[in-house]
PDB file of all heavy atoms in Angstrom:
ATOM      1  N   ASP A   1     -12.432  -0.132  -3.600  1.00  0.00           N
ATOM      2  CA  ASP A   1     -12.023   1.252  -3.598  1.00  0.00           C
ATOM      3  C   ASP A   1     -12.297   1.995  -4.882  1.00  0.00           C
ATOM      4  O   ASP A   1     -12.758   3.120  -4.957  1.00  0.00           O
ATOM      5  CB  ASP A   1     -10.503   1.284  -3.329  1.00  0.00           C
ATOM      6  CG  ASP A   1     -10.179   0.998  -1.870  1.00  0.00           C
ATOM      7  OD1 ASP A   1     -11.028   0.958  -0.989  1.00  0.00           O
ATOM      8  OD2 ASP A   1      -8.995   0.639  -1.642  1.00  0.00           O
ATOM      9  N   ILE A   2     -12.080   1.258  -6.000  1.00  0.00           N
ATOM     10  CA  ILE A   2     -12.483   1.827  -7.325  1.00  0.00           C
ATOM     11  C   ILE A   2     -13.899   2.048  -7.464  1.00  0.00           C
ATOM     12  O   ILE A   2     -14.350   3.142  -7.920  1.00  0.00           O
ATOM     13  CB  ILE A   2     -12.030   0.842  -8.461  1.00  0.00           C
ATOM     14  CG1 ILE A   2     -10.486   0.744  -8.477  1.00  0.00           C
ATOM     15  CG2 ILE A   2     -12.468   1.347  -9.811  1.00  0.00           C
ATOM     16  CD1 ILE A   2      -9.964  -0.297  -9.432  1.00  0.00           C
ATOM     17  N   LYS A   3     -14.758   1.105  -7.012  1.00  0.00           N
ATOM     18  CA  LYS A   3     -16.183   1.264  -7.111  1.00  0.00           C
ATOM     19  C   LYS A   3     -16.645   2.421  -6.202  1.00  0.00           C
ATOM     20  O   LYS A   3     -17.574   3.165  -6.561  1.00  0.00           O
ATOM     21  CB  LYS A   3     -16.800  -0.031  -6.605  1.00  0.00           C
ATOM     22  CG  LYS A   3     -18.405  -0.061  -6.801  1.00  0.00           C
ATOM     23  CD  LYS A   3     -18.946  -1.347  -6.397  1.00  0.00           C
ATOM     24  CE  LYS A   3     -20.469  -1.376  -6.640  1.00  0.00           C
ATOM     25  NZ  LYS A   3     -21.093  -2.687  -6.338  1.00  0.00           N
ATOM     26  N   ALA A   4     -15.988   2.607  -5.138  1.00  0.00           N
ATOM     27  CA  ALA A   4     -16.354   3.716  -4.137  1.00  0.00           C
ATOM     28  C   ALA A   4     -15.887   5.081  -4.602  1.00  0.00           C
ATOM     29  O   ALA A   4     -16.277   6.084  -4.092  1.00  0.00           O
ATOM     30  CB  ALA A   4     -15.788   3.488  -2.747  1.00  0.00           C
ATOM     31  N   GLY A   5     -15.019   5.055  -5.637  1.00  0.00           N
ATOM     32  CA  GLY A   5     -14.497   6.302  -6.180  1.00  0.00           C
ATOM     33  C   GLY A   5     -13.364   6.938  -5.380  1.00  0.00           C
ATOM     34  O   GLY A   5     -12.932   8.153  -5.594  1.00  0.00           O
ATOM     35  N   THR A   6     -12.792   6.141  -4.452  1.00  0.00           N
ATOM     36  CA  THR A   6     -11.678   6.723  -3.616  1.00  0.00           C
ATOM     37  C   THR A   6     -10.403   6.661  -4.421  1.00  0.00           C
ATOM     38  O   THR A   6      -9.369   7.309  -3.948  1.00  0.00           O
ATOM     39  CB  THR A   6     -11.550   5.913  -2.346  1.00  0.00           C
ATOM     40  OG1 THR A   6     -11.316   4.522  -2.666  1.00  0.00           O
ATOM     41  CG2 THR A   6     -12.759   6.065  -1.504  1.00  0.00           C
ATOM     42  N   ILE A   7     -10.371   5.911  -5.533  1.00  0.00           N
ATOM     43  CA  ILE A   7      -9.139   5.931  -6.400  1.00  0.00           C
ATOM     44  C   ILE A   7      -9.552   5.589  -7.785  1.00  0.00           C
ATOM     45  O   ILE A   7     -10.610   4.794  -8.024  1.00  0.00           O
ATOM     46  CB  ILE A   7      -8.144   4.902  -5.888  1.00  0.00           C
ATOM     47  CG1 ILE A   7      -6.765   4.981  -6.560  1.00  0.00           C
ATOM     48  CG2 ILE A   7      -8.705   3.445  -6.020  1.00  0.00           C
ATOM     49  CD1 ILE A   7      -5.702   4.130  -5.995  1.00  0.00           C
ATOM     50  N   THR A   8      -8.900   6.051  -8.817  1.00  0.00           N
ATOM     51  CA  THR A   8      -9.201   5.735 -10.158  1.00  0.00           C
ATOM     52  C   THR A   8      -8.650   4.443 -10.527  1.00  0.00           C
ATOM     53  O   THR A   8      -7.653   3.887  -9.869  1.00  0.00           O
ATOM     54  CB  THR A   8      -8.613   6.851 -11.143  1.00  0.00           C
ATOM     55  OG1 THR A   8      -7.168   6.706 -11.133  1.00  0.00           O
ATOM     56  CG2 THR A   8      -9.098   8.224 -10.778  1.00  0.00           C
ATOM     57  N   PHE A   9      -9.206   3.820 -11.522  1.00  0.00           N
ATOM     58  CA  PHE A   9      -8.724   2.524 -12.036  1.00  0.00           C
ATOM     59  C   PHE A   9      -7.179   2.603 -12.306  1.00  0.00           C
ATOM     60  O   PHE A   9      -6.472   1.766 -11.944  1.00  0.00           O
ATOM     61  CB  PHE A   9      -9.457   2.044 -13.210  1.00  0.00           C
ATOM     62  CG  PHE A   9      -9.192   0.634 -13.674  1.00  0.00           C
ATOM     63  CD1 PHE A   9     -10.023  -0.423 -13.286  1.00  0.00           C
ATOM     64  CD2 PHE A   9      -8.031   0.333 -14.456  1.00  0.00           C
ATOM     65  CE1 PHE A   9      -9.767  -1.675 -13.692  1.00  0.00           C
ATOM     66  CE2 PHE A   9      -7.774  -0.966 -14.867  1.00  0.00           C
ATOM     67  CZ  PHE A   9      -8.639  -2.024 -14.440  1.00  0.00           C
ATOM     68  N   GLU A  10      -6.854   3.688 -13.055  1.00  0.00           N
ATOM     69  CA  GLU A  10      -5.477   3.799 -13.527  1.00  0.00           C
ATOM     70  C   GLU A  10      -4.506   3.955 -12.361  1.00  0.00           C
ATOM     71  O   GLU A  10      -3.464   3.343 -12.303  1.00  0.00           O
ATOM     72  CB  GLU A  10      -5.395   5.083 -14.411  1.00  0.00           C
ATOM     73  CG  GLU A  10      -6.064   4.892 -15.758  1.00  0.00           C
ATOM     74  CD  GLU A  10      -7.666   4.886 -15.594  1.00  0.00           C
ATOM     75  OE1 GLU A  10      -8.155   5.479 -14.623  1.00  0.00           O
ATOM     76  OE2 GLU A  10      -8.301   4.343 -16.530  1.00  0.00           O
ATOM     77  N   LYS A  11      -4.871   4.743 -11.320  1.00  0.00           N
ATOM     78  CA  LYS A  11      -4.000   4.885 -10.137  1.00  0.00           C
ATOM     79  C   LYS A  11      -3.949   3.642  -9.325  1.00  0.00           C
ATOM     80  O   LYS A  11      -2.846   3.264  -8.836  1.00  0.00           O
ATOM     81  CB  LYS A  11      -4.494   6.098  -9.263  1.00  0.00           C
ATOM     82  CG  LYS A  11      -4.340   7.432  -9.839  1.00  0.00           C
ATOM     83  CD  LYS A  11      -2.888   7.852 -10.037  1.00  0.00           C
ATOM     84  CE  LYS A  11      -2.667   9.270 -10.660  1.00  0.00           C
ATOM     85  NZ  LYS A  11      -1.271   9.628 -10.807  1.00  0.00           N
ATOM     86  N   ALA A  12      -5.058   2.968  -9.290  1.00  0.00           N
ATOM     87  CA  ALA A  12      -5.070   1.630  -8.630  1.00  0.00           C
ATOM     88  C   ALA A  12      -4.136   0.603  -9.253  1.00  0.00           C
ATOM     89  O   ALA A  12      -3.416  -0.152  -8.656  1.00  0.00           O
ATOM     90  CB  ALA A  12      -6.455   1.116  -8.474  1.00  0.00           C
ATOM     91  N   ALA A  13      -4.156   0.603 -10.645  1.00  0.00           N
ATOM     92  CA  ALA A  13      -3.219  -0.234 -11.426  1.00  0.00           C
ATOM     93  C   ALA A  13      -1.780   0.119 -11.090  1.00  0.00           C
ATOM     94  O   ALA A  13      -0.959  -0.783 -10.793  1.00  0.00           O
ATOM     95  CB  ALA A  13      -3.552  -0.150 -12.888  1.00  0.00           C
ATOM     96  N   GLU A  14      -1.491   1.379 -11.063  1.00  0.00           N
ATOM     97  CA  GLU A  14      -0.050   1.795 -10.883  1.00  0.00           C
ATOM     98  C   GLU A  14       0.386   1.374  -9.473  1.00  0.00           C
ATOM     99  O   GLU A  14       1.502   1.013  -9.326  1.00  0.00           O
ATOM    100  CB  GLU A  14       0.072   3.356 -11.002  1.00  0.00           C
ATOM    101  CG  GLU A  14      -0.140   3.842 -12.409  1.00  0.00           C
ATOM    102  CD  GLU A  14      -0.163   5.390 -12.472  1.00  0.00           C
ATOM    103  OE1 GLU A  14       0.058   6.036 -11.463  1.00  0.00           O
ATOM    104  OE2 GLU A  14      -0.460   5.922 -13.549  1.00  0.00           O
ATOM    105  N   ALA A  15      -0.524   1.427  -8.547  1.00  0.00           N
ATOM    106  CA  ALA A  15      -0.120   1.141  -7.136  1.00  0.00           C
ATOM    107  C   ALA A  15      -0.213  -0.315  -6.793  1.00  0.00           C
ATOM    108  O   ALA A  15       0.524  -0.760  -5.827  1.00  0.00           O
ATOM    109  CB  ALA A  15      -1.031   1.862  -6.255  1.00  0.00           C
ATOM    110  N   ASN A  16      -1.018  -1.113  -7.560  1.00  0.00           N
ATOM    111  CA  ASN A  16      -1.240  -2.461  -7.074  1.00  0.00           C
ATOM    112  C   ASN A  16      -0.974  -3.604  -8.019  1.00  0.00           C
ATOM    113  O   ASN A  16      -0.867  -4.763  -7.624  1.00  0.00           O
ATOM    114  CB  ASN A  16      -2.704  -2.540  -6.573  1.00  0.00           C
ATOM    115  CG  ASN A  16      -3.011  -1.709  -5.426  1.00  0.00           C
ATOM    116  OD1 ASN A  16      -2.725  -1.985  -4.303  1.00  0.00           O
ATOM    117  ND2 ASN A  16      -3.626  -0.522  -5.689  1.00  0.00           N
ATOM    118  N   SER A  17      -0.929  -3.310  -9.363  1.00  0.00           N
ATOM    119  CA  SER A  17      -0.881  -4.373 -10.344  1.00  0.00           C
ATOM    120  C   SER A  17       0.447  -5.036 -10.372  1.00  0.00           C
ATOM    121  O   SER A  17       1.505  -4.389 -10.244  1.00  0.00           O
ATOM    122  CB  SER A  17      -1.281  -3.818 -11.652  1.00  0.00           C
ATOM    123  OG  SER A  17      -1.240  -4.938 -12.622  1.00  0.00           O
ATOM    124  N   ASP A  18       0.516  -6.316 -10.634  1.00  0.00           N
ATOM    125  CA  ASP A  18       1.715  -7.044 -10.809  1.00  0.00           C
ATOM    126  C   ASP A  18       2.163  -7.116 -12.307  1.00  0.00           C
ATOM    127  O   ASP A  18       3.107  -7.951 -12.554  1.00  0.00           O
ATOM    128  CB  ASP A  18       1.670  -8.406 -10.107  1.00  0.00           C
ATOM    129  CG  ASP A  18       1.562  -8.317  -8.576  1.00  0.00           C
ATOM    130  OD1 ASP A  18       2.248  -7.479  -8.014  1.00  0.00           O
ATOM    131  OD2 ASP A  18       0.821  -9.112  -7.970  1.00  0.00           O
ATOM    132  N   CYS A  19       1.376  -6.541 -13.118  1.00  0.00           N
ATOM    133  CA  CYS A  19       1.618  -6.679 -14.625  1.00  0.00           C
ATOM    134  C   CYS A  19       2.445  -5.427 -14.988  1.00  0.00           C
ATOM    135  O   CYS A  19       2.215  -4.339 -14.490  1.00  0.00           O
ATOM    136  CB  CYS A  19       0.318  -6.698 -15.346  1.00  0.00           C
ATOM    137  SG  CYS A  19       0.605  -6.748 -17.130  1.00  0.00           S
ATOM    138  N   PRO A  20       3.435  -5.630 -15.910  1.00  0.00           N
ATOM    139  CA  PRO A  20       4.212  -4.507 -16.438  1.00  0.00           C
ATOM    140  C   PRO A  20       3.284  -3.355 -17.010  1.00  0.00           C
ATOM    141  O   PRO A  20       3.763  -2.198 -17.007  1.00  0.00           O
ATOM    142  CB  PRO A  20       5.078  -5.117 -17.502  1.00  0.00           C
ATOM    143  CG  PRO A  20       5.225  -6.506 -17.092  1.00  0.00           C
ATOM    144  CD  PRO A  20       3.895  -6.880 -16.513  1.00  0.00           C
ATOM    145  N   SER A  21       2.092  -3.637 -17.391  1.00  0.00           N
ATOM    146  CA  SER A  21       1.189  -2.688 -17.867  1.00  0.00           C
ATOM    147  C   SER A  21       0.821  -1.577 -16.849  1.00  0.00           C
ATOM    148  O   SER A  21       0.227  -0.605 -17.180  1.00  0.00           O
ATOM    149  CB  SER A  21      -0.144  -3.293 -18.491  1.00  0.00           C
ATOM    150  OG  SER A  21      -0.824  -3.870 -17.338  1.00  0.00           O
ATOM    151  N   LYS A  22       1.169  -1.801 -15.630  1.00  0.00           N
ATOM    152  CA  LYS A  22       0.920  -0.826 -14.511  1.00  0.00           C
ATOM    153  C   LYS A  22       1.528   0.519 -14.871  1.00  0.00           C
ATOM    154  O   LYS A  22       0.990   1.492 -14.436  1.00  0.00           O
ATOM    155  CB  LYS A  22       1.466  -1.357 -13.200  1.00  0.00           C
ATOM    156  CG  LYS A  22       2.960  -1.493 -13.146  1.00  0.00           C
ATOM    157  CD  LYS A  22       3.464  -2.155 -11.889  1.00  0.00           C
ATOM    158  CE  LYS A  22       3.226  -1.382 -10.621  1.00  0.00           C
ATOM    159  NZ  LYS A  22       3.763  -1.964  -9.341  1.00  0.00           N
ATOM    160  N   ALA A  23       2.623   0.467 -15.554  1.00  0.00           N
ATOM    161  CA  ALA A  23       3.323   1.760 -15.936  1.00  0.00           C
ATOM    162  C   ALA A  23       2.447   2.574 -16.722  1.00  0.00           C
ATOM    163  O   ALA A  23       2.603   3.848 -16.826  1.00  0.00           O
ATOM    164  CB  ALA A  23       4.641   1.524 -16.652  1.00  0.00           C
ATOM    165  N   LYS A  24       1.490   1.957 -17.493  1.00  0.00           N
ATOM    166  CA  LYS A  24       0.465   2.698 -18.406  1.00  0.00           C
ATOM    167  C   LYS A  24      -0.930   2.640 -17.775  1.00  0.00           C
ATOM    168  O   LYS A  24      -1.877   2.740 -18.572  1.00  0.00           O
ATOM    169  CB  LYS A  24       0.490   2.093 -19.725  1.00  0.00           C
ATOM    170  CG  LYS A  24       1.890   2.089 -20.402  1.00  0.00           C
ATOM    171  CD  LYS A  24       1.828   1.599 -21.813  1.00  0.00           C
ATOM    172  CE  LYS A  24       1.618   0.113 -21.810  1.00  0.00           C
ATOM    173  NZ  LYS A  24       1.668  -0.506 -23.215  1.00  0.00           N
TER     174      LYS A  24
END
């Protein structure tokens, strides 16, 4: 999805990451 440009890396991190850094 990131490669296709349907979502930014940052938004994808916020929505999917299991690391506390998702908040940033």
